[in-house]
Amino acid sequence: MTDEQIKYGLQKLNEYGVIVSGDAEKLGIGAMTAERWQSFFDKMVKAGVFKPNTNYKESFTLQFVNKGLDAYK
């Protein structure tokens, strides 16, 4: 790819909020919240993917995320 193509791609990613939007604007790239995990889990239970008694909280950690955008500079 040429530098111009890369520049264009980065501009479009920013324009459409592909990398930095929603929670990532405040919490940083790769943002996760316990509330979003709860919402995902509830939807999967409703769809029959997970059993309601599954301890989904053991499947993730917030230890390494939500450091803000400045953490990635």
N, C-alpha and C. Protein backbone atom coordinates (compact mmCIF):
# COMPACT_ATOMS: atom_id res chain seq x y z
N MET A 1 0.84 -1.19 0.00
CA MET A 1 0.00 0.00 0.00
C MET A 1 0.88 1.24 0.00
N THR A 2 0.41 2.24 -0.65
CA THR A 2 1.14 3.51 -0.67
C THR A 2 0.83 4.28 0.61
N ASP A 3 1.65 5.26 0.89
CA ASP A 3 1.39 6.12 2.04
C ASP A 3 0.03 6.80 1.91
N GLU A 4 -0.32 7.18 0.69
CA GLU A 4 -1.60 7.84 0.46
C GLU A 4 -2.77 6.91 0.76
N GLN A 5 -2.66 5.64 0.40
CA GLN A 5 -3.72 4.67 0.69
C GLN A 5 -3.87 4.44 2.19
N ILE A 6 -2.75 4.36 2.87
CA ILE A 6 -2.78 4.19 4.33
C ILE A 6 -3.42 5.41 4.98
N LYS A 7 -3.02 6.59 4.54
CA LYS A 7 -3.59 7.83 5.07
C LYS A 7 -5.09 7.87 4.85
N TYR A 8 -5.53 7.50 3.65
CA TYR A 8 -6.96 7.48 3.33
C TYR A 8 -7.69 6.49 4.25
N GLY A 9 -7.13 5.29 4.42
CA GLY A 9 -7.74 4.29 5.28
C GLY A 9 -7.88 4.77 6.72
N LEU A 10 -6.85 5.39 7.24
CA LEU A 10 -6.89 5.92 8.60
C LEU A 10 -7.94 7.02 8.74
N GLN A 11 -8.03 7.88 7.72
CA GLN A 11 -9.04 8.93 7.74
C GLN A 11 -10.44 8.34 7.79
N LYS A 12 -10.69 7.29 7.01
CA LYS A 12 -12.01 6.67 6.99
C LYS A 12 -12.31 5.96 8.31
N LEU A 13 -11.32 5.29 8.87
CA LEU A 13 -11.52 4.64 10.17
C LEU A 13 -11.94 5.67 11.21
N ASN A 14 -11.28 6.82 11.21
CA ASN A 14 -11.62 7.89 12.14
C ASN A 14 -12.99 8.49 11.82
N GLU A 15 -13.24 8.72 10.54
CA GLU A 15 -14.51 9.32 10.12
C GLU A 15 -15.71 8.49 10.54
N TYR A 16 -15.61 7.18 10.40
CA TYR A 16 -16.72 6.29 10.73
C TYR A 16 -16.69 5.77 12.17
N GLY A 17 -15.71 6.21 12.96
CA GLY A 17 -15.65 5.81 14.36
C GLY A 17 -15.41 4.32 14.57
N VAL A 18 -14.64 3.72 13.69
CA VAL A 18 -14.41 2.28 13.77
C VAL A 18 -13.56 1.91 14.98
N ILE A 19 -12.58 2.72 15.29
CA ILE A 19 -11.66 2.39 16.39
C ILE A 19 -12.01 3.17 17.65
N VAL A 20 -12.27 4.45 17.51
CA VAL A 20 -12.55 5.30 18.67
C VAL A 20 -13.97 5.85 18.55
N SER A 21 -14.89 5.20 19.28
CA SER A 21 -16.27 5.66 19.38
C SER A 21 -16.87 5.01 20.61
N GLY A 22 -18.04 5.44 20.98
CA GLY A 22 -18.71 4.86 22.15
C GLY A 22 -17.86 4.93 23.40
N ASP A 23 -17.76 3.83 24.11
CA ASP A 23 -16.98 3.78 25.36
C ASP A 23 -15.51 4.11 25.13
N ALA A 24 -14.98 3.81 23.95
CA ALA A 24 -13.56 4.04 23.67
C ALA A 24 -13.20 5.51 23.68
N GLU A 25 -14.16 6.39 23.41
CA GLU A 25 -13.87 7.83 23.45
C GLU A 25 -13.45 8.27 24.84
N LYS A 26 -14.03 7.65 25.85
CA LYS A 26 -13.74 8.01 27.24
C LYS A 26 -12.71 7.07 27.87
N LEU A 27 -12.87 5.78 27.60
CA LEU A 27 -12.08 4.77 28.30
C LEU A 27 -10.85 4.29 27.54
N GLY A 28 -10.78 4.56 26.25
CA GLY A 28 -9.63 4.14 25.44
C GLY A 28 -9.97 2.97 24.53
N ILE A 29 -9.08 2.72 23.60
CA ILE A 29 -9.25 1.64 22.63
C ILE A 29 -9.32 0.30 23.36
N GLY A 30 -10.25 -0.53 22.98
CA GLY A 30 -10.44 -1.83 23.63
C GLY A 30 -11.27 -1.75 24.89
N ALA A 31 -12.00 -0.66 25.06
CA ALA A 31 -12.79 -0.45 26.27
C ALA A 31 -13.77 -1.59 26.52
N MET A 32 -13.90 -1.94 27.77
CA MET A 32 -14.88 -2.94 28.20
C MET A 32 -15.46 -2.48 29.52
N THR A 33 -16.71 -2.84 29.76
CA THR A 33 -17.34 -2.55 31.05
C THR A 33 -18.07 -3.79 31.54
N ALA A 34 -18.22 -3.87 32.84
CA ALA A 34 -18.96 -4.99 33.43
C ALA A 34 -20.41 -4.96 32.95
N GLU A 35 -20.94 -3.76 32.74
CA GLU A 35 -22.32 -3.63 32.28
C GLU A 35 -22.50 -4.20 30.87
N ARG A 36 -21.52 -3.97 30.00
CA ARG A 36 -21.60 -4.51 28.64
C ARG A 36 -21.50 -6.03 28.66
N TRP A 37 -20.64 -6.57 29.52
CA TRP A 37 -20.54 -8.03 29.65
C TRP A 37 -21.86 -8.61 30.16
N GLN A 38 -22.47 -7.95 31.13
CA GLN A 38 -23.76 -8.40 31.67
C GLN A 38 -24.82 -8.40 30.57
N SER A 39 -24.86 -7.34 29.78
CA SER A 39 -25.82 -7.24 28.69
C SER A 39 -25.62 -8.34 27.65
N PHE A 40 -24.36 -8.58 27.30
CA PHE A 40 -24.04 -9.64 26.34
C PHE A 40 -24.47 -11.00 26.89
N PHE A 41 -24.13 -11.24 28.14
CA PHE A 41 -24.49 -12.52 28.77
C PHE A 41 -25.99 -12.72 28.79
N ASP A 42 -26.73 -11.70 29.19
CA ASP A 42 -28.19 -11.79 29.24
C ASP A 42 -28.77 -12.13 27.87
N LYS A 43 -28.23 -11.52 26.83
CA LYS A 43 -28.70 -11.81 25.46
C LYS A 43 -28.38 -13.24 25.06
N MET A 44 -27.22 -13.74 25.44
CA MET A 44 -26.85 -15.10 25.10
C MET A 44 -27.69 -16.13 25.87
N VAL A 45 -28.05 -15.81 27.11
CA VAL A 45 -28.93 -16.68 27.87
C VAL A 45 -30.29 -16.74 27.18
N LYS A 46 -30.79 -15.58 26.80
CA LYS A 46 -32.09 -15.52 26.12
C LYS A 46 -32.07 -16.30 24.81
N ALA A 47 -30.93 -16.28 24.11
CA ALA A 47 -30.80 -17.00 22.84
C ALA A 47 -30.54 -18.49 23.05
N GLY A 48 -30.30 -18.91 24.30
CA GLY A 48 -30.06 -20.31 24.59
C GLY A 48 -28.62 -20.74 24.42
N VAL A 49 -27.71 -19.79 24.29
CA VAL A 49 -26.29 -20.11 24.11
C VAL A 49 -25.65 -20.47 25.45
N PHE A 50 -25.98 -19.72 26.50
CA PHE A 50 -25.44 -19.97 27.83
C PHE A 50 -26.57 -20.36 28.77
N LYS A 51 -26.22 -21.14 29.79
CA LYS A 51 -27.17 -21.45 30.85
C LYS A 51 -27.20 -20.27 31.82
N PRO A 52 -28.35 -19.96 32.40
CA PRO A 52 -28.46 -18.81 33.29
C PRO A 52 -27.53 -18.86 34.51
N ASN A 53 -27.15 -20.05 34.94
CA ASN A 53 -26.30 -20.17 36.13
C ASN A 53 -24.81 -20.14 35.80
N THR A 54 -24.45 -19.88 34.55
CA THR A 54 -23.03 -19.76 34.16
C THR A 54 -22.42 -18.55 34.85
N ASN A 55 -21.25 -18.73 35.44
CA ASN A 55 -20.56 -17.60 36.08
C ASN A 55 -19.72 -16.89 35.03
N TYR A 56 -20.36 -16.05 34.25
CA TYR A 56 -19.68 -15.36 33.16
C TYR A 56 -18.62 -14.38 33.66
N LYS A 57 -18.71 -13.95 34.90
CA LYS A 57 -17.76 -12.98 35.44
C LYS A 57 -16.34 -13.54 35.55
N GLU A 58 -16.21 -14.87 35.49
CA GLU A 58 -14.89 -15.50 35.51
C GLU A 58 -14.24 -15.48 34.13
N SER A 59 -14.95 -15.03 33.12
CA SER A 59 -14.43 -15.09 31.75
C SER A 59 -13.73 -13.82 31.28
N PHE A 60 -13.68 -12.80 32.12
CA PHE A 60 -13.04 -11.55 31.70
C PHE A 60 -12.43 -10.82 32.89
N THR A 61 -11.55 -9.90 32.56
CA THR A 61 -10.99 -9.00 33.56
C THR A 61 -10.93 -7.60 32.96
N LEU A 62 -11.09 -6.61 33.77
CA LEU A 62 -10.96 -5.22 33.33
C LEU A 62 -9.60 -4.64 33.75
N GLN A 63 -8.74 -5.51 34.23
CA GLN A 63 -7.44 -5.09 34.77
C GLN A 63 -6.57 -4.37 33.75
N PHE A 64 -6.64 -4.78 32.49
CA PHE A 64 -5.70 -4.27 31.50
C PHE A 64 -6.34 -3.29 30.51
N VAL A 65 -7.56 -2.91 30.72
CA VAL A 65 -8.29 -2.03 29.80
C VAL A 65 -8.78 -0.78 30.50
N ASN A 66 -9.39 0.10 29.73
CA ASN A 66 -10.00 1.33 30.26
C ASN A 66 -8.97 2.28 30.88
N LYS A 67 -7.84 2.38 30.21
CA LYS A 67 -6.77 3.26 30.69
C LYS A 67 -6.84 4.65 30.04
N GLY A 68 -7.80 4.85 29.13
CA GLY A 68 -7.95 6.13 28.45
C GLY A 68 -7.12 6.17 27.17
N LEU A 69 -7.44 7.11 26.31
CA LEU A 69 -6.75 7.20 25.02
C LEU A 69 -5.29 7.59 25.18
N ASP A 70 -4.96 8.36 26.19
CA ASP A 70 -3.58 8.78 26.37
C ASP A 70 -2.64 7.63 26.67
N ALA A 71 -3.16 6.53 27.15
CA ALA A 71 -2.34 5.38 27.47
C ALA A 71 -1.75 4.72 26.23
N TYR A 72 -2.29 5.03 25.05
CA TYR A 72 -1.86 4.40 23.82
C TYR A 72 -0.92 5.26 22.99
N LYS A 73 -0.51 6.38 23.54
CA LYS A 73 0.39 7.28 22.80
C LYS A 73 1.84 6.96 23.11
